[in-house]
């Protein structure tokens, strides 16, 4: 069990811990959830860096690392659904697309196929991450009593529901759109991959 894989396990363990503290009513617990999420996100960057630098690459890591990333991200999205910030159906489309493509890429790697990540897919990932970090920071900083009392009008503007819903729609379109693009660009490989699996 090499260090990158241990970090992946740590990220998986931290995901439900983040959700637990995020959903608590106590402000300090919500604030702690932000720290937990950032630690989990750092393990994602660090285990990838270690794997590339020292060639710590295993089949287990190839399977679990991207899946752990999507579990963490999807959990954060649904956490905001639970507290009434995000729309369930839009989040569901985002999560289903990401999990489907992630599992497809894992299976392709297992079968010896390689699917390149497009520029638009990288833009999609950036939009998702920027949106989630924005929500986490603003939503949780608003639970800090001194900040809330002093800057409540600013937080109301930053958490404007209409603006958030519009941004979520943009993120959903980008996510689903790149999923369709991914499938169309790789349709021959996908067909060969699954026809080979049935033989």
N, C-alpha and C. Protein backbone atom coordinates (compact mmCIF):
# COMPACT_ATOMS: atom_id res chain seq x y z
N UNK A 1 0.86 -1.19 0.00
CA UNK A 1 0.00 0.00 0.00
C UNK A 1 0.90 1.24 0.00
N UNK A 2 1.24 1.73 -1.19
CA UNK A 2 2.15 2.86 -1.32
C UNK A 2 1.44 4.15 -0.93
N UNK A 3 2.24 5.20 -0.71
CA UNK A 3 1.71 6.45 -0.18
C UNK A 3 0.59 7.06 -1.04
N UNK A 4 0.72 7.15 -2.38
CA UNK A 4 -0.40 7.72 -3.16
C UNK A 4 -1.72 6.98 -2.93
N UNK A 5 -1.65 5.67 -2.81
CA UNK A 5 -2.88 4.90 -2.56
C UNK A 5 -3.42 5.15 -1.15
N UNK A 6 -2.51 5.34 -0.19
CA UNK A 6 -2.94 5.68 1.16
C UNK A 6 -3.64 7.04 1.17
N UNK A 7 -3.15 7.98 0.37
CA UNK A 7 -3.78 9.29 0.28
C UNK A 7 -5.15 9.19 -0.37
N UNK A 8 -5.28 8.30 -1.35
CA UNK A 8 -6.59 8.08 -1.98
C UNK A 8 -7.59 7.54 -0.97
N UNK A 9 -7.15 6.57 -0.15
CA UNK A 9 -8.01 6.03 0.90
C UNK A 9 -8.39 7.12 1.89
N UNK A 10 -7.42 7.97 2.23
CA UNK A 10 -7.69 9.08 3.14
C UNK A 10 -8.78 10.00 2.58
N UNK A 11 -8.71 10.28 1.29
CA UNK A 11 -9.71 11.14 0.64
C UNK A 11 -11.10 10.50 0.70
N UNK A 12 -11.16 9.21 0.49
CA UNK A 12 -12.44 8.50 0.55
C UNK A 12 -13.01 8.56 1.97
N UNK A 13 -12.15 8.36 2.97
CA UNK A 13 -12.59 8.40 4.36
C UNK A 13 -13.05 9.80 4.75
N UNK A 14 -12.34 10.83 4.26
CA UNK A 14 -12.67 12.20 4.62
C UNK A 14 -13.98 12.69 4.00
N UNK A 15 -14.40 12.07 2.91
CA UNK A 15 -15.61 12.52 2.21
C UNK A 15 -16.86 12.47 3.10
N UNK A 16 -17.20 11.32 3.71
CA UNK A 16 -18.38 11.32 4.60
C UNK A 16 -18.16 12.16 5.85
N UNK A 17 -16.91 12.30 6.28
CA UNK A 17 -16.62 13.14 7.45
C UNK A 17 -16.94 14.60 7.11
N UNK A 18 -16.51 15.02 5.91
CA UNK A 18 -16.85 16.37 5.44
C UNK A 18 -18.36 16.58 5.42
N UNK A 19 -19.09 15.62 4.86
CA UNK A 19 -20.55 15.75 4.75
C UNK A 19 -21.20 15.84 6.12
N UNK A 20 -20.74 15.02 7.05
CA UNK A 20 -21.30 15.03 8.40
C UNK A 20 -21.18 16.41 9.04
N UNK A 21 -19.99 16.98 9.03
CA UNK A 21 -19.77 18.27 9.67
C UNK A 21 -20.46 19.40 8.90
N UNK A 22 -20.51 19.28 7.57
CA UNK A 22 -21.15 20.32 6.77
C UNK A 22 -22.64 20.43 7.08
N UNK A 23 -23.28 19.31 7.36
CA UNK A 23 -24.73 19.30 7.58
C UNK A 23 -25.14 19.61 9.01
N UNK A 24 -24.16 19.75 9.90
CA UNK A 24 -24.47 20.08 11.28
C UNK A 24 -24.91 21.54 11.41
N UNK A 25 -25.71 21.82 12.44
CA UNK A 25 -26.22 23.18 12.66
C UNK A 25 -25.19 24.09 13.32
N UNK A 26 -24.28 23.53 14.08
CA UNK A 26 -23.29 24.34 14.78
C UNK A 26 -22.34 25.00 13.77
N UNK A 27 -22.17 26.32 13.83
CA UNK A 27 -21.29 27.03 12.88
C UNK A 27 -19.86 26.48 12.87
N UNK A 28 -19.31 26.16 14.06
CA UNK A 28 -17.92 25.69 14.10
C UNK A 28 -17.76 24.37 13.37
N UNK A 29 -18.83 23.56 13.36
CA UNK A 29 -18.76 22.28 12.67
C UNK A 29 -18.78 22.49 11.16
N UNK A 30 -19.59 23.42 10.70
CA UNK A 30 -19.59 23.76 9.27
C UNK A 30 -18.22 24.30 8.86
N UNK A 31 -17.64 25.14 9.71
CA UNK A 31 -16.33 25.71 9.40
C UNK A 31 -15.26 24.62 9.35
N UNK A 32 -15.38 23.65 10.23
CA UNK A 32 -14.44 22.54 10.22
C UNK A 32 -14.59 21.72 8.94
N UNK A 33 -15.81 21.63 8.42
CA UNK A 33 -16.03 20.87 7.19
C UNK A 33 -15.25 21.48 6.01
N UNK A 34 -15.10 22.80 6.02
CA UNK A 34 -14.33 23.46 4.96
C UNK A 34 -12.87 23.04 5.03
N UNK A 35 -12.32 22.99 6.23
CA UNK A 35 -10.94 22.54 6.42
C UNK A 35 -10.78 21.10 5.95
N UNK A 36 -11.75 20.26 6.31
CA UNK A 36 -11.69 18.84 5.92
C UNK A 36 -11.73 18.70 4.40
N UNK A 37 -12.59 19.49 3.76
CA UNK A 37 -12.69 19.41 2.30
C UNK A 37 -11.37 19.83 1.65
N UNK A 38 -10.76 20.88 2.14
CA UNK A 38 -9.50 21.35 1.57
C UNK A 38 -8.39 20.31 1.77
N UNK A 39 -8.38 19.67 2.93
CA UNK A 39 -7.39 18.61 3.16
C UNK A 39 -7.59 17.47 2.17
N UNK A 40 -8.85 17.08 1.97
CA UNK A 40 -9.16 16.02 1.01
C UNK A 40 -8.73 16.42 -0.40
N UNK A 41 -8.97 17.67 -0.76
CA UNK A 41 -8.58 18.15 -2.09
C UNK A 41 -7.07 18.16 -2.26
N UNK A 42 -6.35 18.50 -1.19
CA UNK A 42 -4.89 18.51 -1.25
C UNK A 42 -4.35 17.10 -1.45
N UNK A 43 -4.97 16.10 -0.83
CA UNK A 43 -4.52 14.72 -1.03
C UNK A 43 -4.66 14.31 -2.49
N UNK A 44 -5.68 14.85 -3.17
CA UNK A 44 -5.87 14.57 -4.59
C UNK A 44 -4.69 15.09 -5.39
N UNK A 45 -4.30 16.33 -5.14
CA UNK A 45 -3.16 16.91 -5.86
C UNK A 45 -1.86 16.19 -5.50
N UNK A 46 -1.66 15.91 -4.22
CA UNK A 46 -0.39 15.38 -3.76
C UNK A 46 -0.18 13.93 -4.21
N UNK A 47 -1.23 13.11 -4.16
CA UNK A 47 -1.03 11.72 -4.58
C UNK A 47 -0.77 11.63 -6.08
N UNK A 48 -1.38 12.54 -6.85
CA UNK A 48 -1.10 12.57 -8.29
C UNK A 48 0.34 12.98 -8.57
N UNK A 49 0.82 13.96 -7.81
CA UNK A 49 2.19 14.45 -7.97
C UNK A 49 3.20 13.35 -7.60
N UNK A 50 2.94 12.66 -6.50
CA UNK A 50 3.82 11.57 -6.08
C UNK A 50 3.85 10.45 -7.11
N UNK A 51 2.67 10.09 -7.62
CA UNK A 51 2.59 8.99 -8.58
C UNK A 51 3.37 9.31 -9.85
N UNK A 52 3.27 10.55 -10.32
CA UNK A 52 3.99 10.93 -11.54
C UNK A 52 5.48 11.06 -11.30
N UNK A 53 5.86 11.69 -10.19
CA UNK A 53 7.28 11.96 -9.93
C UNK A 53 8.07 10.69 -9.64
N UNK A 54 7.50 9.79 -8.87
CA UNK A 54 8.23 8.59 -8.45
C UNK A 54 7.71 7.31 -9.12
N UNK A 55 6.83 7.49 -10.09
CA UNK A 55 6.26 6.36 -10.84
C UNK A 55 5.56 5.36 -9.92
N UNK A 56 4.87 5.92 -8.91
CA UNK A 56 4.09 5.08 -8.00
C UNK A 56 2.71 4.83 -8.62
N UNK A 57 2.69 3.99 -9.64
CA UNK A 57 1.44 3.75 -10.37
C UNK A 57 1.05 2.29 -10.23
N UNK A 58 -0.17 2.06 -9.73
CA UNK A 58 -0.68 0.69 -9.58
C UNK A 58 -2.05 0.61 -10.24
N UNK A 59 -2.47 -0.60 -10.55
CA UNK A 59 -3.80 -0.79 -11.14
C UNK A 59 -4.88 -0.34 -10.16
N UNK A 60 -4.65 -0.61 -8.87
CA UNK A 60 -5.61 -0.18 -7.84
C UNK A 60 -5.72 1.33 -7.85
N UNK A 61 -4.59 2.02 -7.93
CA UNK A 61 -4.59 3.48 -7.95
C UNK A 61 -5.27 4.04 -9.18
N UNK A 62 -5.04 3.41 -10.32
CA UNK A 62 -5.69 3.85 -11.56
C UNK A 62 -7.20 3.77 -11.46
N UNK A 63 -7.68 2.77 -10.72
CA UNK A 63 -9.12 2.59 -10.56
C UNK A 63 -9.70 3.53 -9.51
N UNK A 64 -9.06 3.56 -8.34
CA UNK A 64 -9.66 4.25 -7.20
C UNK A 64 -9.44 5.76 -7.19
N UNK A 65 -8.30 6.23 -7.70
CA UNK A 65 -8.01 7.66 -7.60
C UNK A 65 -9.05 8.53 -8.31
N UNK A 66 -9.35 8.29 -9.60
CA UNK A 66 -10.38 9.12 -10.25
C UNK A 66 -11.76 8.93 -9.64
N UNK A 67 -12.03 7.70 -9.17
CA UNK A 67 -13.33 7.45 -8.55
C UNK A 67 -13.46 8.22 -7.23
N UNK A 68 -12.38 8.25 -6.46
CA UNK A 68 -12.38 9.00 -5.20
C UNK A 68 -12.59 10.49 -5.45
N UNK A 69 -12.00 11.00 -6.52
CA UNK A 69 -12.18 12.41 -6.88
C UNK A 69 -13.65 12.73 -7.13
N UNK A 70 -14.29 11.88 -7.91
CA UNK A 70 -15.69 12.12 -8.27
C UNK A 70 -16.61 11.94 -7.06
N UNK A 71 -16.27 11.01 -6.18
CA UNK A 71 -17.07 10.82 -4.97
C UNK A 71 -17.01 12.08 -4.11
N UNK A 72 -15.82 12.66 -3.96
CA UNK A 72 -15.66 13.87 -3.16
C UNK A 72 -16.43 15.04 -3.78
N UNK A 73 -16.25 15.24 -5.09
CA UNK A 73 -16.92 16.34 -5.78
C UNK A 73 -18.44 16.16 -5.77
N UNK A 74 -18.90 14.95 -6.05
CA UNK A 74 -20.34 14.68 -6.08
C UNK A 74 -20.97 14.88 -4.71
N UNK A 75 -20.25 14.48 -3.67
CA UNK A 75 -20.75 14.66 -2.31
C UNK A 75 -20.92 16.14 -1.99
N UNK A 76 -19.95 16.96 -2.41
CA UNK A 76 -20.05 18.40 -2.17
C UNK A 76 -21.25 18.99 -2.91
N UNK A 77 -21.46 18.56 -4.15
CA UNK A 77 -22.62 19.05 -4.90
C UNK A 77 -23.92 18.69 -4.19
N UNK A 78 -24.05 17.43 -3.77
CA UNK A 78 -25.28 17.01 -3.11
C UNK A 78 -25.44 17.62 -1.73
N UNK A 79 -24.33 17.95 -1.09
CA UNK A 79 -24.42 18.64 0.20
C UNK A 79 -25.15 19.97 0.05
N UNK A 80 -24.88 20.67 -1.04
CA UNK A 80 -25.56 21.94 -1.28
C UNK A 80 -27.00 21.74 -1.73
N UNK A 81 -27.30 20.58 -2.29
CA UNK A 81 -28.71 20.25 -2.58
C UNK A 81 -29.46 20.07 -1.27
N UNK A 82 -28.85 19.36 -0.34
CA UNK A 82 -29.49 19.07 0.94
C UNK A 82 -29.81 20.34 1.72
N UNK A 83 -28.91 21.32 1.68
CA UNK A 83 -29.14 22.57 2.43
C UNK A 83 -29.96 23.58 1.63
N UNK A 84 -30.41 23.17 0.43
CA UNK A 84 -31.33 24.00 -0.33
C UNK A 84 -30.70 25.08 -1.20
N UNK A 85 -29.41 24.95 -1.46
CA UNK A 85 -28.73 25.95 -2.29
C UNK A 85 -28.79 25.60 -3.77
N UNK A 86 -28.66 24.31 -4.10
CA UNK A 86 -28.61 23.87 -5.49
C UNK A 86 -29.82 23.01 -5.85
N UNK A 87 -30.13 23.01 -7.13
CA UNK A 87 -31.25 22.24 -7.68
C UNK A 87 -30.86 20.77 -7.83
N UNK A 88 -31.70 19.88 -7.30
CA UNK A 88 -31.38 18.45 -7.30
C UNK A 88 -31.19 17.90 -8.71
N UNK A 89 -32.09 18.20 -9.63
CA UNK A 89 -32.06 17.59 -10.96
C UNK A 89 -30.85 18.03 -11.76
N UNK A 90 -30.47 19.30 -11.63
CA UNK A 90 -29.28 19.78 -12.34
C UNK A 90 -28.03 19.12 -11.78
N UNK A 91 -27.96 19.00 -10.47
CA UNK A 91 -26.82 18.34 -9.85
C UNK A 91 -26.77 16.87 -10.23
N UNK A 92 -27.93 16.23 -10.28
CA UNK A 92 -27.98 14.81 -10.65
C UNK A 92 -27.42 14.59 -12.04
N UNK A 93 -27.75 15.45 -12.99
CA UNK A 93 -27.22 15.34 -14.35
C UNK A 93 -25.70 15.47 -14.35
N UNK A 94 -25.19 16.42 -13.59
CA UNK A 94 -23.75 16.62 -13.50
C UNK A 94 -23.06 15.39 -12.93
N UNK A 95 -23.59 14.88 -11.84
CA UNK A 95 -22.97 13.75 -11.14
C UNK A 95 -23.04 12.48 -11.98
N UNK A 96 -24.20 12.21 -12.59
CA UNK A 96 -24.35 11.00 -13.42
C UNK A 96 -23.39 11.03 -14.60
N UNK A 97 -23.25 12.18 -15.23
CA UNK A 97 -22.33 12.30 -16.37
C UNK A 97 -20.90 12.03 -15.91
N UNK A 98 -20.50 12.65 -14.81
CA UNK A 98 -19.12 12.52 -14.36
C UNK A 98 -18.79 11.09 -13.94
N UNK A 99 -19.71 10.45 -13.23
CA UNK A 99 -19.47 9.08 -12.79
C UNK A 99 -19.43 8.13 -13.98
N UNK A 100 -20.35 8.33 -14.94
CA UNK A 100 -20.38 7.47 -16.13
C UNK A 100 -19.09 7.57 -16.92
N UNK A 101 -18.63 8.80 -17.19
CA UNK A 101 -17.41 8.98 -17.97
C UNK A 101 -16.20 8.46 -17.19
N UNK A 102 -16.18 8.68 -15.89
CA UNK A 102 -15.07 8.19 -15.07
C UNK A 102 -14.99 6.67 -15.11
N UNK A 103 -16.12 5.99 -14.95
CA UNK A 103 -16.14 4.53 -15.01
C UNK A 103 -15.76 4.03 -16.40
N UNK A 104 -16.18 4.75 -17.43
CA UNK A 104 -15.84 4.38 -18.80
C UNK A 104 -14.33 4.49 -19.02
N UNK A 105 -13.73 5.57 -18.52
CA UNK A 105 -12.28 5.75 -18.66
C UNK A 105 -11.51 4.68 -17.88
N UNK A 106 -12.01 4.35 -16.69
CA UNK A 106 -11.35 3.31 -15.89
C UNK A 106 -11.41 1.97 -16.62
N UNK A 107 -12.57 1.66 -17.17
CA UNK A 107 -12.72 0.39 -17.90
C UNK A 107 -11.84 0.38 -19.14
N UNK A 108 -11.77 1.52 -19.83
CA UNK A 108 -10.93 1.62 -21.02
C UNK A 108 -9.47 1.40 -20.67
N UNK A 109 -9.04 2.00 -19.56
CA UNK A 109 -7.65 1.82 -19.13
C UNK A 109 -7.39 0.36 -18.78
N UNK A 110 -8.36 -0.28 -18.16
CA UNK A 110 -8.23 -1.70 -17.82
C UNK A 110 -8.09 -2.56 -19.07
N UNK A 111 -8.78 -2.17 -20.14
CA UNK A 111 -8.74 -2.92 -21.40
C UNK A 111 -7.59 -2.50 -22.30
N UNK A 112 -6.81 -1.52 -21.86
CA UNK A 112 -5.65 -1.11 -22.64
C UNK A 112 -5.93 -0.02 -23.66
N UNK A 113 -7.06 0.65 -23.53
CA UNK A 113 -7.39 1.77 -24.42
C UNK A 113 -7.06 3.09 -23.73
N UNK A 114 -6.76 4.09 -24.54
CA UNK A 114 -6.41 5.39 -23.98
C UNK A 114 -7.30 6.47 -24.58
N UNK A 115 -8.02 7.19 -23.73
CA UNK A 115 -8.86 8.30 -24.16
C UNK A 115 -8.23 9.61 -23.69
N UNK A 116 -7.90 10.45 -24.64
CA UNK A 116 -7.30 11.74 -24.29
C UNK A 116 -8.36 12.68 -23.71
N UNK A 117 -7.94 13.50 -22.74
CA UNK A 117 -8.84 14.50 -22.17
C UNK A 117 -8.83 15.75 -23.05
N UNK A 118 -10.00 16.16 -23.50
CA UNK A 118 -10.08 17.33 -24.39
C UNK A 118 -9.92 18.62 -23.62
N UNK A 119 -9.65 19.69 -24.35
CA UNK A 119 -9.53 21.00 -23.73
C UNK A 119 -10.85 21.42 -23.09
N UNK A 120 -11.96 21.13 -23.79
CA UNK A 120 -13.26 21.51 -23.25
C UNK A 120 -13.58 20.76 -21.96
N UNK A 121 -13.10 19.52 -21.85
CA UNK A 121 -13.31 18.76 -20.62
C UNK A 121 -12.52 19.38 -19.47
N UNK A 122 -11.33 19.89 -19.77
CA UNK A 122 -10.53 20.57 -18.75
C UNK A 122 -11.21 21.86 -18.30
N UNK A 123 -11.82 22.57 -19.26
CA UNK A 123 -12.57 23.78 -18.92
C UNK A 123 -13.75 23.43 -18.03
N UNK A 124 -14.42 22.32 -18.36
CA UNK A 124 -15.56 21.86 -17.55
C UNK A 124 -15.13 21.59 -16.12
N UNK A 125 -14.00 20.90 -15.96
CA UNK A 125 -13.49 20.59 -14.63
C UNK A 125 -13.16 21.87 -13.86
N UNK A 126 -12.56 22.83 -14.55
CA UNK A 126 -12.25 24.11 -13.91
C UNK A 126 -13.52 24.82 -13.45
N UNK A 127 -14.56 24.82 -14.29
CA UNK A 127 -15.82 25.46 -13.93
C UNK A 127 -16.44 24.80 -12.70
N UNK A 128 -16.43 23.48 -12.69
CA UNK A 128 -16.99 22.76 -11.54
C UNK A 128 -16.24 23.10 -10.26
N UNK A 129 -14.91 23.04 -10.32
CA UNK A 129 -14.11 23.29 -9.13
C UNK A 129 -14.25 24.73 -8.65
N UNK A 130 -14.22 25.67 -9.58
CA UNK A 130 -14.35 27.08 -9.21
C UNK A 130 -15.71 27.34 -8.57
N UNK A 131 -16.76 26.74 -9.13
CA UNK A 131 -18.11 26.91 -8.61
C UNK A 131 -18.23 26.33 -7.21
N UNK A 132 -17.70 25.11 -7.02
CA UNK A 132 -17.78 24.47 -5.70
C UNK A 132 -16.98 25.22 -4.65
N UNK A 133 -15.77 25.63 -4.98
CA UNK A 133 -14.95 26.35 -4.01
C UNK A 133 -15.58 27.69 -3.66
N UNK A 134 -16.17 28.33 -4.65
CA UNK A 134 -16.86 29.60 -4.39
C UNK A 134 -18.00 29.38 -3.39
N UNK A 135 -18.84 28.37 -3.66
CA UNK A 135 -19.96 28.10 -2.76
C UNK A 135 -19.49 27.73 -1.36
N UNK A 136 -18.48 26.87 -1.28
CA UNK A 136 -17.98 26.45 0.02
C UNK A 136 -17.45 27.62 0.82
N UNK A 137 -16.65 28.45 0.19
CA UNK A 137 -16.06 29.58 0.89
C UNK A 137 -17.11 30.58 1.36
N UNK A 138 -17.99 30.99 0.43
CA UNK A 138 -18.98 32.01 0.77
C UNK A 138 -19.99 31.48 1.77
N UNK A 139 -20.50 30.27 1.53
CA UNK A 139 -21.53 29.70 2.41
C UNK A 139 -21.00 29.51 3.83
N UNK A 140 -19.79 29.00 3.94
CA UNK A 140 -19.26 28.69 5.27
C UNK A 140 -18.70 29.93 5.96
N UNK A 141 -18.07 30.83 5.22
CA UNK A 141 -17.60 32.07 5.85
C UNK A 141 -18.78 32.88 6.41
N UNK A 142 -19.94 32.72 5.79
CA UNK A 142 -21.14 33.41 6.28
C UNK A 142 -21.60 32.89 7.64
N UNK A 143 -21.08 31.71 8.04
CA UNK A 143 -21.43 31.17 9.36
C UNK A 143 -20.53 31.72 10.46
N UNK A 144 -19.48 32.43 10.07
CA UNK A 144 -18.61 33.07 11.07
C UNK A 144 -19.33 34.31 11.57
N UNK A 145 -19.68 34.34 12.83
CA UNK A 145 -20.57 35.37 13.37
C UNK A 145 -20.07 36.79 13.11
N UNK A 146 -18.80 37.05 13.36
CA UNK A 146 -18.29 38.41 13.17
C UNK A 146 -18.36 38.84 11.72
N UNK A 147 -18.07 37.92 10.80
CA UNK A 147 -18.16 38.24 9.37
C UNK A 147 -19.60 38.44 8.94
N UNK A 148 -20.48 37.58 9.44
CA UNK A 148 -21.90 37.68 9.08
C UNK A 148 -22.50 39.01 9.56
N UNK A 149 -22.18 39.40 10.78
CA UNK A 149 -22.72 40.64 11.32
C UNK A 149 -22.20 41.86 10.58
N UNK A 150 -20.96 41.82 10.16
CA UNK A 150 -20.34 42.98 9.53
C UNK A 150 -20.61 43.07 8.03
N UNK A 151 -20.71 41.89 7.38
CA UNK A 151 -20.82 41.88 5.93
C UNK A 151 -22.04 41.11 5.43
N UNK A 152 -23.11 41.11 6.20
CA UNK A 152 -24.29 40.32 5.82
C UNK A 152 -24.84 40.71 4.46
N UNK A 153 -24.82 42.01 4.14
CA UNK A 153 -25.34 42.47 2.85
C UNK A 153 -24.49 41.96 1.69
N UNK A 154 -23.18 41.84 1.93
CA UNK A 154 -22.29 41.31 0.88
C UNK A 154 -22.54 39.82 0.67
N UNK A 155 -22.72 39.09 1.77
CA UNK A 155 -23.00 37.67 1.65
C UNK A 155 -24.33 37.41 0.95
N UNK A 156 -25.31 38.25 1.19
CA UNK A 156 -26.60 38.12 0.51
C UNK A 156 -26.43 38.28 -1.00
N UNK A 157 -25.58 39.21 -1.39
CA UNK A 157 -25.32 39.41 -2.81
C UNK A 157 -24.55 38.24 -3.41
N UNK A 158 -23.52 37.77 -2.68
CA UNK A 158 -22.70 36.68 -3.17
C UNK A 158 -23.46 35.36 -3.26
N UNK A 159 -24.50 35.21 -2.42
CA UNK A 159 -25.29 33.98 -2.44
C UNK A 159 -26.65 34.21 -3.11
N UNK A 160 -26.72 35.16 -4.01
CA UNK A 160 -27.95 35.42 -4.74
C UNK A 160 -28.42 34.14 -5.45
N UNK A 161 -29.62 33.71 -5.13
CA UNK A 161 -30.09 32.42 -5.62
C UNK A 161 -30.22 32.37 -7.13
N UNK A 162 -30.68 33.45 -7.73
CA UNK A 162 -30.83 33.47 -9.19
C UNK A 162 -29.48 33.32 -9.88
N UNK A 163 -28.48 34.04 -9.39
CA UNK A 163 -27.14 33.97 -9.97
C UNK A 163 -26.56 32.57 -9.81
N UNK A 164 -26.80 31.97 -8.65
CA UNK A 164 -26.29 30.62 -8.41
C UNK A 164 -26.95 29.62 -9.35
N UNK A 165 -28.26 29.75 -9.54
CA UNK A 165 -28.98 28.82 -10.42
C UNK A 165 -28.52 28.96 -11.86
N UNK A 166 -28.29 30.19 -12.30
CA UNK A 166 -27.81 30.42 -13.67
C UNK A 166 -26.43 29.80 -13.85
N UNK A 167 -25.56 30.00 -12.85
CA UNK A 167 -24.23 29.43 -12.93
C UNK A 167 -24.28 27.91 -12.94
N UNK A 168 -25.17 27.33 -12.13
CA UNK A 168 -25.32 25.88 -12.10
C UNK A 168 -25.78 25.35 -13.45
N UNK A 169 -26.69 26.05 -14.10
CA UNK A 169 -27.14 25.65 -15.43
C UNK A 169 -25.96 25.66 -16.42
N UNK A 170 -25.12 26.69 -16.34
CA UNK A 170 -23.95 26.77 -17.21
C UNK A 170 -23.01 25.60 -16.96
N UNK A 171 -22.77 25.30 -15.69
CA UNK A 171 -21.90 24.17 -15.33
C UNK A 171 -22.50 22.86 -15.82
N UNK A 172 -23.82 22.70 -15.68
CA UNK A 172 -24.48 21.48 -16.13
C UNK A 172 -24.36 21.32 -17.64
N UNK A 173 -24.61 22.40 -18.38
CA UNK A 173 -24.52 22.34 -19.85
C UNK A 173 -23.10 21.98 -20.27
N UNK A 174 -22.11 22.61 -19.64
CA UNK A 174 -20.71 22.31 -19.96
C UNK A 174 -20.38 20.85 -19.64
N UNK A 175 -20.90 20.36 -18.52
CA UNK A 175 -20.61 18.99 -18.09
C UNK A 175 -21.25 17.96 -19.02
N UNK A 176 -22.54 18.12 -19.27
CA UNK A 176 -23.25 17.18 -20.15
C UNK A 176 -22.74 17.31 -21.58
N UNK A 177 -22.48 18.54 -22.01
CA UNK A 177 -21.99 18.76 -23.37
C UNK A 177 -20.66 18.09 -23.62
N UNK A 178 -19.73 18.21 -22.67
CA UNK A 178 -18.44 17.55 -22.85
C UNK A 178 -18.56 16.03 -22.77
N UNK A 179 -19.56 15.54 -22.03
CA UNK A 179 -19.81 14.11 -22.00
C UNK A 179 -20.25 13.59 -23.36
N UNK A 180 -21.14 14.34 -24.00
CA UNK A 180 -21.59 13.97 -25.34
C UNK A 180 -20.44 14.05 -26.33
N UNK A 181 -19.65 15.15 -26.23
CA UNK A 181 -18.49 15.32 -27.09
C UNK A 181 -17.51 14.15 -26.91
N UNK A 182 -17.29 13.77 -25.69
CA UNK A 182 -16.38 12.67 -25.36
C UNK A 182 -16.85 11.37 -26.03
N UNK A 183 -18.15 11.09 -25.90
CA UNK A 183 -18.70 9.86 -26.47
C UNK A 183 -18.60 9.86 -28.00
N UNK A 184 -18.90 11.01 -28.62
CA UNK A 184 -18.87 11.09 -30.08
C UNK A 184 -17.45 10.97 -30.63
N UNK A 185 -16.50 11.64 -29.98
CA UNK A 185 -15.11 11.60 -30.45
C UNK A 185 -14.49 10.21 -30.31
N UNK A 186 -14.97 9.47 -29.32
CA UNK A 186 -14.37 8.16 -29.03
C UNK A 186 -15.32 7.01 -29.33
N UNK A 187 -16.32 7.25 -30.17
CA UNK A 187 -17.34 6.23 -30.39
C UNK A 187 -16.78 4.94 -30.98
N UNK A 188 -15.77 5.07 -31.85
CA UNK A 188 -15.18 3.87 -32.44
C UNK A 188 -14.43 3.06 -31.38
N UNK A 189 -13.65 3.76 -30.57
CA UNK A 189 -12.92 3.08 -29.50
C UNK A 189 -13.87 2.44 -28.50
N UNK A 190 -14.94 3.17 -28.17
CA UNK A 190 -15.92 2.63 -27.21
C UNK A 190 -16.59 1.39 -27.78
N UNK A 191 -16.94 1.45 -29.06
CA UNK A 191 -17.58 0.31 -29.71
C UNK A 191 -16.63 -0.89 -29.71
N UNK A 192 -15.36 -0.66 -30.08
CA UNK A 192 -14.39 -1.75 -30.11
C UNK A 192 -14.15 -2.32 -28.71
N UNK A 193 -14.13 -1.42 -27.74
CA UNK A 193 -13.86 -1.83 -26.37
C UNK A 193 -14.93 -2.79 -25.86
N UNK A 194 -16.20 -2.47 -26.13
CA UNK A 194 -17.27 -3.29 -25.61
C UNK A 194 -17.55 -4.50 -26.50
N UNK A 195 -17.26 -4.40 -27.79
CA UNK A 195 -17.41 -5.57 -28.65
C UNK A 195 -16.36 -6.60 -28.30
N UNK A 196 -15.16 -6.10 -27.93
CA UNK A 196 -14.09 -7.01 -27.48
C UNK A 196 -14.49 -7.69 -26.18
N UNK A 197 -15.20 -6.92 -25.31
CA UNK A 197 -15.58 -7.48 -24.00
C UNK A 197 -16.60 -8.59 -24.13
N UNK A 198 -17.39 -8.56 -25.23
CA UNK A 198 -18.45 -9.56 -25.39
C UNK A 198 -17.96 -10.83 -26.07
N UNK A 199 -16.72 -10.76 -26.60
CA UNK A 199 -16.19 -11.93 -27.30
C UNK A 199 -15.70 -12.99 -26.32
